[in-house]
Amino acid sequence: MTQRNNRNEILQTFLGILLLLGCHAIAIILIFVLAYVADVYFRNISYASLYVFMIGGFGFLFWQLFYVIPLCIFLQRRQRIAMRNGVIIGAVITALLSGGCFLLLNIRF
């Protein structure tokens, strides 16, 4: 592999990670919008938006699978293997961080 192809592959991998971060930002905005809608719709339930935040936050490890798997399939069909690898690397890092935070919050002393 030449030096130029190696740089291009690293750049494409980094772009895949940035693409996943953009998808994460959209998912987080969607969680906030759903929490706001729940707060407005269920005025008599004082913690409705908190439930949405808890389900969205604790389950983010699993919610990301709804857009990571189709994105990987799309990139595979477009022959963007390095970008797909970046998406997978970003998803694994997100899963590890999310799982670690979940474990820290659930440790019982």
N, C-alpha and C. Protein backbone atom coordinates (compact mmCIF):
# COMPACT_ATOMS: atom_id res chain seq x y z
N MET A 1 0.84 -1.17 0.00
CA MET A 1 0.00 0.00 0.00
C MET A 1 0.89 1.24 0.00
N THR A 2 0.55 2.19 -0.82
CA THR A 2 1.37 3.39 -0.91
C THR A 2 1.03 4.33 0.23
N GLN A 3 1.91 5.33 0.38
CA GLN A 3 1.72 6.32 1.43
C GLN A 3 0.42 7.10 1.23
N ARG A 4 0.11 7.42 -0.02
CA ARG A 4 -1.11 8.20 -0.31
C ARG A 4 -2.37 7.41 0.02
N ASN A 5 -2.40 6.13 -0.32
CA ASN A 5 -3.56 5.31 -0.01
C ASN A 5 -3.74 5.13 1.50
N ASN A 6 -2.63 5.02 2.22
CA ASN A 6 -2.68 4.88 3.66
C ASN A 6 -3.26 6.14 4.30
N ARG A 7 -2.85 7.31 3.84
CA ARG A 7 -3.40 8.57 4.37
C ARG A 7 -4.88 8.69 4.04
N ASN A 8 -5.26 8.29 2.82
CA ASN A 8 -6.66 8.37 2.42
C ASN A 8 -7.52 7.44 3.27
N GLU A 9 -6.99 6.26 3.58
CA GLU A 9 -7.75 5.32 4.41
C GLU A 9 -7.91 5.86 5.83
N ILE A 10 -6.87 6.45 6.38
CA ILE A 10 -6.96 7.05 7.72
C ILE A 10 -7.96 8.20 7.72
N LEU A 11 -7.93 9.02 6.68
CA LEU A 11 -8.87 10.13 6.56
C LEU A 11 -10.31 9.62 6.46
N GLN A 12 -10.53 8.58 5.67
CA GLN A 12 -11.87 8.02 5.54
C GLN A 12 -12.35 7.40 6.86
N THR A 13 -11.46 6.77 7.60
CA THR A 13 -11.82 6.22 8.90
C THR A 13 -12.21 7.34 9.86
N PHE A 14 -11.45 8.42 9.86
CA PHE A 14 -11.77 9.56 10.71
C PHE A 14 -13.11 10.19 10.30
N LEU A 15 -13.37 10.26 9.00
CA LEU A 15 -14.65 10.79 8.52
C LEU A 15 -15.82 9.88 8.95
N GLY A 16 -15.58 8.58 9.01
CA GLY A 16 -16.61 7.66 9.51
C GLY A 16 -16.93 7.91 10.97
N ILE A 17 -15.89 8.18 11.76
CA ILE A 17 -16.11 8.49 13.18
C ILE A 17 -16.88 9.80 13.30
N LEU A 18 -16.53 10.80 12.50
CA LEU A 18 -17.26 12.08 12.53
C LEU A 18 -18.70 11.91 12.07
N LEU A 19 -18.94 11.05 11.10
CA LEU A 19 -20.30 10.78 10.64
C LEU A 19 -21.12 10.17 11.76
N LEU A 20 -20.52 9.26 12.51
CA LEU A 20 -21.24 8.67 13.64
C LEU A 20 -21.49 9.69 14.73
N LEU A 21 -20.55 10.58 14.98
CA LEU A 21 -20.77 11.64 15.97
C LEU A 21 -21.92 12.54 15.56
N GLY A 22 -22.04 12.80 14.26
CA GLY A 22 -23.18 13.57 13.77
C GLY A 22 -24.50 12.84 14.00
N CYS A 23 -24.49 11.53 13.77
CA CYS A 23 -25.69 10.73 14.04
C CYS A 23 -26.02 10.72 15.53
N HIS A 24 -24.99 10.68 16.38
CA HIS A 24 -25.21 10.75 17.82
C HIS A 24 -25.83 12.09 18.21
N ALA A 25 -25.36 13.17 17.59
CA ALA A 25 -25.92 14.49 17.89
C ALA A 25 -27.39 14.55 17.51
N ILE A 26 -27.73 13.98 16.37
CA ILE A 26 -29.14 13.96 15.96
C ILE A 26 -29.96 13.12 16.94
N ALA A 27 -29.43 11.99 17.40
CA ALA A 27 -30.13 11.14 18.35
C ALA A 27 -30.33 11.85 19.69
N ILE A 28 -29.32 12.58 20.14
CA ILE A 28 -29.44 13.31 21.41
C ILE A 28 -30.47 14.43 21.29
N ILE A 29 -30.48 15.12 20.17
CA ILE A 29 -31.49 16.16 19.95
C ILE A 29 -32.88 15.53 19.93
N LEU A 30 -33.02 14.37 19.31
CA LEU A 30 -34.30 13.68 19.29
C LEU A 30 -34.74 13.28 20.69
N ILE A 31 -33.83 12.85 21.54
CA ILE A 31 -34.17 12.51 22.92
C ILE A 31 -34.67 13.75 23.67
N PHE A 32 -34.00 14.89 23.47
CA PHE A 32 -34.45 16.12 24.12
C PHE A 32 -35.82 16.55 23.62
N VAL A 33 -36.07 16.41 22.32
CA VAL A 33 -37.38 16.77 21.77
C VAL A 33 -38.46 15.86 22.32
N LEU A 34 -38.17 14.55 22.40
CA LEU A 34 -39.15 13.63 22.97
C LEU A 34 -39.41 13.92 24.45
N ALA A 35 -38.37 14.32 25.18
CA ALA A 35 -38.56 14.68 26.59
C ALA A 35 -39.43 15.93 26.70
N TYR A 36 -39.23 16.89 25.82
CA TYR A 36 -40.05 18.10 25.85
C TYR A 36 -41.50 17.78 25.51
N VAL A 37 -41.71 16.95 24.50
CA VAL A 37 -43.07 16.56 24.13
C VAL A 37 -43.74 15.80 25.27
N ALA A 38 -43.01 14.91 25.92
CA ALA A 38 -43.55 14.17 27.06
C ALA A 38 -43.89 15.12 28.21
N ASP A 39 -43.06 16.13 28.41
CA ASP A 39 -43.32 17.08 29.48
C ASP A 39 -44.56 17.92 29.19
N VAL A 40 -44.74 18.30 27.94
CA VAL A 40 -45.91 19.10 27.58
C VAL A 40 -47.17 18.25 27.58
N TYR A 41 -47.09 17.05 27.04
CA TYR A 41 -48.27 16.20 26.91
C TYR A 41 -48.73 15.64 28.25
N PHE A 42 -47.79 15.21 29.08
CA PHE A 42 -48.13 14.63 30.38
C PHE A 42 -47.85 15.64 31.48
N ARG A 43 -48.57 16.72 31.50
CA ARG A 43 -48.36 17.75 32.52
C ARG A 43 -48.63 17.24 33.93
N ASN A 44 -49.59 16.34 34.08
CA ASN A 44 -49.95 15.87 35.42
C ASN A 44 -48.93 14.88 35.98
N ILE A 45 -48.09 14.30 35.13
CA ILE A 45 -47.03 13.41 35.61
C ILE A 45 -45.76 14.25 35.67
N SER A 46 -45.28 14.51 36.87
CA SER A 46 -44.21 15.49 37.04
C SER A 46 -42.85 15.00 36.54
N TYR A 47 -42.65 13.70 36.42
CA TYR A 47 -41.36 13.19 36.02
C TYR A 47 -41.38 12.53 34.64
N ALA A 48 -42.28 12.94 33.77
CA ALA A 48 -42.41 12.31 32.45
C ALA A 48 -41.14 12.52 31.62
N SER A 49 -40.60 13.73 31.65
CA SER A 49 -39.39 13.97 30.85
C SER A 49 -38.19 13.25 31.45
N LEU A 50 -38.17 13.07 32.75
CA LEU A 50 -37.08 12.32 33.38
C LEU A 50 -37.08 10.86 32.92
N TYR A 51 -38.26 10.28 32.76
CA TYR A 51 -38.35 8.91 32.25
C TYR A 51 -37.75 8.82 30.85
N VAL A 52 -38.06 9.80 30.02
CA VAL A 52 -37.52 9.79 28.66
C VAL A 52 -36.00 9.92 28.69
N PHE A 53 -35.48 10.80 29.55
CA PHE A 53 -34.03 10.95 29.66
C PHE A 53 -33.37 9.66 30.17
N MET A 54 -33.99 9.00 31.13
CA MET A 54 -33.42 7.77 31.67
C MET A 54 -33.41 6.66 30.61
N ILE A 55 -34.52 6.50 29.90
CA ILE A 55 -34.58 5.47 28.87
C ILE A 55 -33.62 5.81 27.74
N GLY A 56 -33.57 7.07 27.35
CA GLY A 56 -32.68 7.48 26.28
C GLY A 56 -31.21 7.40 26.66
N GLY A 57 -30.90 7.79 27.88
CA GLY A 57 -29.51 7.80 28.32
C GLY A 57 -28.96 6.42 28.64
N PHE A 58 -29.70 5.66 29.43
CA PHE A 58 -29.22 4.34 29.81
C PHE A 58 -29.27 3.37 28.64
N GLY A 59 -30.21 3.58 27.74
CA GLY A 59 -30.34 2.68 26.62
C GLY A 59 -29.62 3.14 25.37
N PHE A 60 -28.81 4.19 25.47
CA PHE A 60 -28.15 4.73 24.28
C PHE A 60 -27.24 3.70 23.63
N LEU A 61 -26.70 2.83 24.44
CA LEU A 61 -25.87 1.74 23.91
C LEU A 61 -26.66 0.91 22.91
N PHE A 62 -27.93 0.68 23.19
CA PHE A 62 -28.76 -0.12 22.31
C PHE A 62 -29.48 0.72 21.26
N TRP A 63 -29.82 1.97 21.59
CA TRP A 63 -30.50 2.83 20.62
C TRP A 63 -29.62 3.12 19.42
N GLN A 64 -28.31 3.17 19.63
CA GLN A 64 -27.43 3.48 18.51
C GLN A 64 -27.42 2.37 17.46
N LEU A 65 -27.82 1.18 17.84
CA LEU A 65 -27.86 0.08 16.88
C LEU A 65 -28.90 0.32 15.78
N PHE A 66 -29.92 1.14 16.08
CA PHE A 66 -30.96 1.41 15.09
C PHE A 66 -30.44 2.23 13.91
N TYR A 67 -29.37 2.98 14.11
CA TYR A 67 -28.82 3.73 12.98
C TYR A 67 -27.40 3.30 12.61
N VAL A 68 -26.70 2.59 13.45
CA VAL A 68 -25.35 2.15 13.11
C VAL A 68 -25.40 0.98 12.13
N ILE A 69 -26.26 0.01 12.36
CA ILE A 69 -26.33 -1.15 11.47
C ILE A 69 -26.76 -0.76 10.06
N PRO A 70 -27.85 0.03 9.88
CA PRO A 70 -28.18 0.43 8.51
C PRO A 70 -27.10 1.30 7.86
N LEU A 71 -26.44 2.13 8.65
CA LEU A 71 -25.38 2.97 8.11
C LEU A 71 -24.20 2.11 7.64
N CYS A 72 -23.86 1.07 8.40
CA CYS A 72 -22.78 0.16 7.99
C CYS A 72 -23.15 -0.60 6.72
N ILE A 73 -24.40 -1.04 6.64
CA ILE A 73 -24.84 -1.74 5.43
C ILE A 73 -24.80 -0.80 4.23
N PHE A 74 -25.23 0.44 4.41
CA PHE A 74 -25.20 1.43 3.33
C PHE A 74 -23.77 1.69 2.86
N LEU A 75 -22.85 1.88 3.81
CA LEU A 75 -21.46 2.15 3.45
C LEU A 75 -20.80 0.92 2.81
N GLN A 76 -21.19 -0.27 3.24
CA GLN A 76 -20.65 -1.49 2.64
C GLN A 76 -21.09 -1.60 1.18
N ARG A 77 -22.33 -1.29 0.91
CA ARG A 77 -22.83 -1.37 -0.47
C ARG A 77 -22.21 -0.30 -1.36
N ARG A 78 -21.83 0.82 -0.79
CA ARG A 78 -21.18 1.88 -1.55
C ARG A 78 -19.66 1.68 -1.66
N GLN A 79 -19.16 0.57 -1.14
CA GLN A 79 -17.73 0.25 -1.18
C GLN A 79 -16.89 1.27 -0.42
N ARG A 80 -17.41 1.80 0.67
CA ARG A 80 -16.68 2.74 1.53
C ARG A 80 -16.26 2.00 2.79
N ILE A 81 -15.35 1.06 2.62
CA ILE A 81 -14.95 0.15 3.69
C ILE A 81 -14.25 0.89 4.83
N ALA A 82 -13.36 1.82 4.51
CA ALA A 82 -12.64 2.54 5.55
C ALA A 82 -13.60 3.41 6.36
N MET A 83 -14.56 4.02 5.70
CA MET A 83 -15.54 4.83 6.42
C MET A 83 -16.43 3.95 7.30
N ARG A 84 -16.78 2.77 6.80
CA ARG A 84 -17.56 1.83 7.60
C ARG A 84 -16.79 1.40 8.83
N ASN A 85 -15.49 1.17 8.66
CA ASN A 85 -14.65 0.81 9.81
C ASN A 85 -14.62 1.94 10.84
N GLY A 86 -14.60 3.19 10.38
CA GLY A 86 -14.64 4.32 11.30
C GLY A 86 -15.95 4.38 12.07
N VAL A 87 -17.05 4.07 11.39
CA VAL A 87 -18.35 4.04 12.07
C VAL A 87 -18.36 2.95 13.13
N ILE A 88 -17.80 1.79 12.79
CA ILE A 88 -17.77 0.69 13.77
C ILE A 88 -16.87 1.03 14.94
N ILE A 89 -15.73 1.65 14.68
CA ILE A 89 -14.83 2.07 15.77
C ILE A 89 -15.53 3.07 16.68
N GLY A 90 -16.21 4.05 16.11
CA GLY A 90 -16.95 5.03 16.91
C GLY A 90 -18.07 4.39 17.70
N ALA A 91 -18.76 3.41 17.12
CA ALA A 91 -19.84 2.73 17.83
C ALA A 91 -19.31 1.92 19.01
N VAL A 92 -18.16 1.28 18.82
CA VAL A 92 -17.57 0.50 19.91
C VAL A 92 -17.12 1.42 21.04
N ILE A 93 -16.51 2.54 20.69
CA ILE A 93 -16.08 3.50 21.72
C ILE A 93 -17.28 4.04 22.48
N THR A 94 -18.35 4.37 21.75
CA THR A 94 -19.57 4.85 22.40
C THR A 94 -20.16 3.78 23.31
N ALA A 95 -20.18 2.54 22.85
CA ALA A 95 -20.73 1.46 23.67
C ALA A 95 -19.91 1.26 24.94
N LEU A 96 -18.60 1.33 24.81
CA LEU A 96 -17.75 1.17 26.00
C LEU A 96 -17.94 2.31 26.98
N LEU A 97 -18.02 3.54 26.48
CA LEU A 97 -18.24 4.69 27.37
C LEU A 97 -19.61 4.64 28.01
N SER A 98 -20.62 4.32 27.23
CA SER A 98 -21.98 4.24 27.75
C SER A 98 -22.10 3.12 28.77
N GLY A 99 -21.53 1.97 28.45
CA GLY A 99 -21.58 0.85 29.40
C GLY A 99 -20.81 1.13 30.67
N GLY A 100 -19.67 1.80 30.54
CA GLY A 100 -18.90 2.16 31.73
C GLY A 100 -19.63 3.14 32.63
N CYS A 101 -20.27 4.13 32.02
CA CYS A 101 -21.05 5.10 32.81
C CYS A 101 -22.25 4.41 33.47
N PHE A 102 -22.88 3.50 32.74
CA PHE A 102 -24.01 2.76 33.30
C PHE A 102 -23.56 1.94 34.51
N LEU A 103 -22.41 1.29 34.41
CA LEU A 103 -21.91 0.50 35.53
C LEU A 103 -21.54 1.38 36.72
N LEU A 104 -20.96 2.54 36.45
CA LEU A 104 -20.60 3.44 37.56
C LEU A 104 -21.83 3.94 38.30
N LEU A 105 -22.92 4.17 37.58
CA LEU A 105 -24.13 4.65 38.21
C LEU A 105 -24.88 3.56 38.96
N ASN A 106 -24.60 2.30 38.64
CA ASN A 106 -25.33 1.20 39.27
C ASN A 106 -24.51 0.42 40.29
N ILE A 107 -23.34 0.91 40.65
CA ILE A 107 -22.54 0.23 41.67
C ILE A 107 -23.18 0.46 43.04
N ARG A 108 -23.37 -0.60 43.74
CA ARG A 108 -23.96 -0.52 45.08
C ARG A 108 -22.84 -0.70 46.12
N PHE A 109 -22.77 0.23 47.04
CA PHE A 109 -21.74 0.17 48.07
C PHE A 109 -22.20 -0.61 49.25
